[in-house]
Amino acid sequence: MPTYEYLCDACGHTFDELQSFSDEPLTKCPNCKKKKLRRLFGTGAAVLFKGSGFYETDYRSESYKTAAKAESDSAKPAATEAATPAKSDGGTPPSEAPAAKPATPAKSNKGKK
């Protein structure tokens, strides 16, 4: 249903009204109650989308949703296996390997000839 903009010639009150195409235009102002209301031309007769947002993915087909769910479910086991470190035969796991020694600073030749 479109939204129409109205203006009262008596008090100057403007407002938007959601109406069907077949509805008669309003004539009585809700502010001053006089019959001096007129519907304005211009951007009226538009549909307003209110809410947090409208996304392409909100209207996907059911076949797409089931295929996407199956794809994401099959990817989960592979991701968990990669996250756990594999132990090598007889060696220590990578997390328990000794840390490398930090590099020693180079000696300065400052003041020497």
C-alpha atoms as a PDB file:
ATOM      1  CA  MET A   1       0.000   0.000   0.000  1.00  0.00           C
ATOM      2  CA  PRO A   2       1.341   3.447  -0.834  1.00  0.00           C
ATOM      3  CA  THR A   3       1.990   6.302   1.557  1.00  0.00           C
ATOM      4  CA  TYR A   4       0.466   9.685   0.710  1.00  0.00           C
ATOM      5  CA  GLU A   5       1.495  13.081   2.060  1.00  0.00           C
ATOM      6  CA  TYR A   6      -1.243  15.461   3.240  1.00  0.00           C
ATOM      7  CA  LEU A   7      -1.267  19.195   4.054  1.00  0.00           C
ATOM      8  CA  CYS A   8      -3.924  21.126   5.980  1.00  0.00           C
ATOM      9  CA  ASP A   9      -4.564  24.571   4.471  1.00  0.00           C
ATOM     10  CA  ALA A  10      -6.096  25.791   7.764  1.00  0.00           C
ATOM     11  CA  CYS A  11      -3.322  24.996  10.282  1.00  0.00           C
ATOM     12  CA  GLY A  12      -0.374  23.980   8.032  1.00  0.00           C
ATOM     13  CA  HIS A  13      -0.129  20.492   9.572  1.00  0.00           C
ATOM     14  CA  THR A  14       1.592  17.934   7.288  1.00  0.00           C
ATOM     15  CA  PHE A  15       1.619  14.169   7.741  1.00  0.00           C
ATOM     16  CA  ASP A  16       1.915  10.893   5.836  1.00  0.00           C
ATOM     17  CA  GLU A  17      -0.916   8.385   5.601  1.00  0.00           C
ATOM     18  CA  LEU A  18      -0.755   4.760   4.508  1.00  0.00           C
ATOM     19  CA  GLN A  19      -3.731   4.110   2.212  1.00  0.00           C
ATOM     20  CA  SER A  20      -4.864   1.671  -0.426  1.00  0.00           C
ATOM     21  CA  PHE A  21      -5.050   2.808  -4.046  1.00  0.00           C
ATOM     22  CA  SER A  22      -8.827   2.517  -3.938  1.00  0.00           C
ATOM     23  CA  ASP A  23      -9.271   4.607  -0.747  1.00  0.00           C
ATOM     24  CA  GLU A  24     -10.738   8.099  -1.068  1.00  0.00           C
ATOM     25  CA  PRO A  25      -8.396  10.974  -0.129  1.00  0.00           C
ATOM     26  CA  LEU A  26      -8.720  12.245   3.445  1.00  0.00           C
ATOM     27  CA  THR A  27     -10.493  15.610   3.908  1.00  0.00           C
ATOM     28  CA  LYS A  28     -10.529  16.204   7.686  1.00  0.00           C
ATOM     29  CA  CYS A  29      -7.321  17.333   9.445  1.00  0.00           C
ATOM     30  CA  PRO A  30      -6.450  15.191  12.507  1.00  0.00           C
ATOM     31  CA  ASN A  31      -4.819  18.234  14.139  1.00  0.00           C
ATOM     32  CA  CYS A  32      -7.428  21.019  13.844  1.00  0.00           C
ATOM     33  CA  LYS A  33     -10.442  18.882  12.737  1.00  0.00           C
ATOM     34  CA  LYS A  34     -11.249  21.247   9.825  1.00  0.00           C
ATOM     35  CA  LYS A  35     -12.084  19.983   6.334  1.00  0.00           C
ATOM     36  CA  LYS A  36      -9.199  21.837   4.678  1.00  0.00           C
ATOM     37  CA  LEU A  37      -6.959  18.825   4.053  1.00  0.00           C
ATOM     38  CA  ARG A  38      -5.480  18.102   0.640  1.00  0.00           C
ATOM     39  CA  ARG A  39      -3.272  15.339  -0.709  1.00  0.00           C
ATOM     40  CA  LEU A  40       0.016  16.591  -2.121  1.00  0.00           C
ATOM     41  CA  PHE A  41       1.548  15.602  -5.450  1.00  0.00           C
ATOM     42  CA  GLY A  42       5.125  14.519  -5.736  1.00  0.00           C
ATOM     43  CA  THR A  43       6.880  11.734  -3.937  1.00  0.00           C
ATOM     44  CA  GLY A  44       3.684  10.366  -2.409  1.00  0.00           C
ATOM     45  CA  ALA A  45       2.280   6.995  -3.431  1.00  0.00           C
ATOM     46  CA  ALA A  46       5.521   5.341  -2.372  1.00  0.00           C
ATOM     47  CA  VAL A  47       6.107   2.168  -0.411  1.00  0.00           C
ATOM     48  CA  LEU A  48       8.104   2.620   2.819  1.00  0.00           C
ATOM     49  CA  PHE A  49      10.436  -0.128   3.954  1.00  0.00           C
ATOM     50  CA  LYS A  50      11.012   0.100   7.702  1.00  0.00           C
ATOM     51  CA  GLY A  51      13.117  -2.207   9.796  1.00  0.00           C
ATOM     52  CA  SER A  52      16.678  -3.292  10.370  1.00  0.00           C
ATOM     53  CA  GLY A  53      17.297  -4.050   6.691  1.00  0.00           C
ATOM     54  CA  PHE A  54      16.322  -6.033   3.683  1.00  0.00           C
ATOM     55  CA  TYR A  55      18.912  -8.321   2.201  1.00  0.00           C
ATOM     56  CA  GLU A  56      19.071 -10.552  -0.843  1.00  0.00           C
ATOM     57  CA  THR A  57      19.616 -13.541   1.426  1.00  0.00           C
ATOM     58  CA  ASP A  58      16.316 -12.895   3.240  1.00  0.00           C
ATOM     59  CA  TYR A  59      14.400 -14.243   0.258  1.00  0.00           C
ATOM     60  CA  ARG A  60      16.404 -17.279  -0.804  1.00  0.00           C
ATOM     61  CA  SER A  61      14.615 -20.360  -2.089  1.00  0.00           C
ATOM     62  CA  GLU A  62      14.319 -23.424   0.132  1.00  0.00           C
ATOM     63  CA  SER A  63      16.567 -25.488  -2.182  1.00  0.00           C
ATOM     64  CA  TYR A  64      19.314 -22.879  -1.835  1.00  0.00           C
ATOM     65  CA  LYS A  65      18.968 -22.855   1.965  1.00  0.00           C
ATOM     66  CA  THR A  66      19.225 -26.669   2.231  1.00  0.00           C
ATOM     67  CA  ALA A  67      22.239 -26.798  -0.105  1.00  0.00           C
ATOM     68  CA  ALA A  68      23.995 -24.036   1.860  1.00  0.00           C
ATOM     69  CA  LYS A  69      23.300 -25.799   5.161  1.00  0.00           C
ATOM     70  CA  ALA A  70      24.645 -29.111   3.829  1.00  0.00           C
ATOM     71  CA  GLU A  71      27.769 -27.346   2.564  1.00  0.00           C
ATOM     72  CA  SER A  72      28.417 -25.630   5.906  1.00  0.00           C
ATOM     73  CA  ASP A  73      27.826 -28.880   7.826  1.00  0.00           C
ATOM     74  CA  SER A  74      30.349 -30.767   5.662  1.00  0.00           C
ATOM     75  CA  ALA A  75      32.959 -28.034   6.206  1.00  0.00           C
ATOM     76  CA  LYS A  76      32.777 -28.203  10.027  1.00  0.00           C
ATOM     77  CA  PRO A  77      34.606 -31.572  10.574  1.00  0.00           C
ATOM     78  CA  ALA A  78      37.505 -30.540   8.322  1.00  0.00           C
ATOM     79  CA  ALA A  79      37.938 -27.290  10.218  1.00  0.00           C
ATOM     80  CA  THR A  80      38.046 -28.994  13.641  1.00  0.00           C
ATOM     81  CA  GLU A  81      40.629 -31.555  12.477  1.00  0.00           C
ATOM     82  CA  ALA A  82      42.933 -28.801  11.203  1.00  0.00           C
ATOM     83  CA  ALA A  83      42.674 -26.924  14.505  1.00  0.00           C
ATOM     84  CA  THR A  84      44.014 -29.842  16.628  1.00  0.00           C
ATOM     85  CA  PRO A  85      47.802 -30.369  16.352  1.00  0.00           C
ATOM     86  CA  ALA A  86      48.914 -33.784  15.152  1.00  0.00           C
ATOM     87  CA  LYS A  87      51.590 -35.570  17.183  1.00  0.00           C
ATOM     88  CA  SER A  88      54.549 -36.968  15.303  1.00  0.00           C
ATOM     89  CA  ASP A  89      56.011 -40.389  16.066  1.00  0.00           C
ATOM     90  CA  GLY A  90      58.101 -40.174  19.223  1.00  0.00           C
ATOM     91  CA  GLY A  91      58.616 -36.416  19.044  1.00  0.00           C
ATOM     92  CA  THR A  92      57.140 -33.627  21.052  1.00  0.00           C
ATOM     93  CA  PRO A  93      54.098 -31.761  19.799  1.00  0.00           C
ATOM     94  CA  PRO A  94      54.822 -28.351  18.246  1.00  0.00           C
ATOM     95  CA  SER A  95      53.369 -26.536  21.275  1.00  0.00           C
ATOM     96  CA  GLU A  96      55.941 -28.208  23.608  1.00  0.00           C
ATOM     97  CA  ALA A  97      59.005 -27.561  21.421  1.00  0.00           C
ATOM     98  CA  PRO A  98      61.782 -25.557  23.123  1.00  0.00           C
ATOM     99  CA  ALA A  99      61.825 -21.862  22.351  1.00  0.00           C
ATOM    100  CA  ALA A 100      64.611 -20.495  20.170  1.00  0.00           C
ATOM    101  CA  LYS A 101      67.254 -18.324  21.839  1.00  0.00           C
ATOM    102  CA  PRO A 102      67.012 -14.625  21.081  1.00  0.00           C
ATOM    103  CA  ALA A 103      69.755 -13.205  18.895  1.00  0.00           C
ATOM    104  CA  THR A 104      72.611 -11.514  20.760  1.00  0.00           C
ATOM    105  CA  PRO A 105      73.066  -7.837  19.979  1.00  0.00           C
ATOM    106  CA  ALA A 106      75.960  -6.981  17.694  1.00  0.00           C
ATOM    107  CA  LYS A 107      78.982  -5.386  19.333  1.00  0.00           C
ATOM    108  CA  SER A 108      79.390  -1.737  18.686  1.00  0.00           C
ATOM    109  CA  ASN A 109      82.637  -0.252  17.404  1.00  0.00           C
ATOM    110  CA  LYS A 110      81.761   3.100  18.915  1.00  0.00           C
ATOM    111  CA  GLY A 111      84.735   4.913  20.389  1.00  0.00           C
ATOM    112  CA  LYS A 112      87.291   2.406  18.979  1.00  0.00           C
ATOM    113  CA  LYS A 113      89.705   3.253  16.201  1.00  0.00           C
END
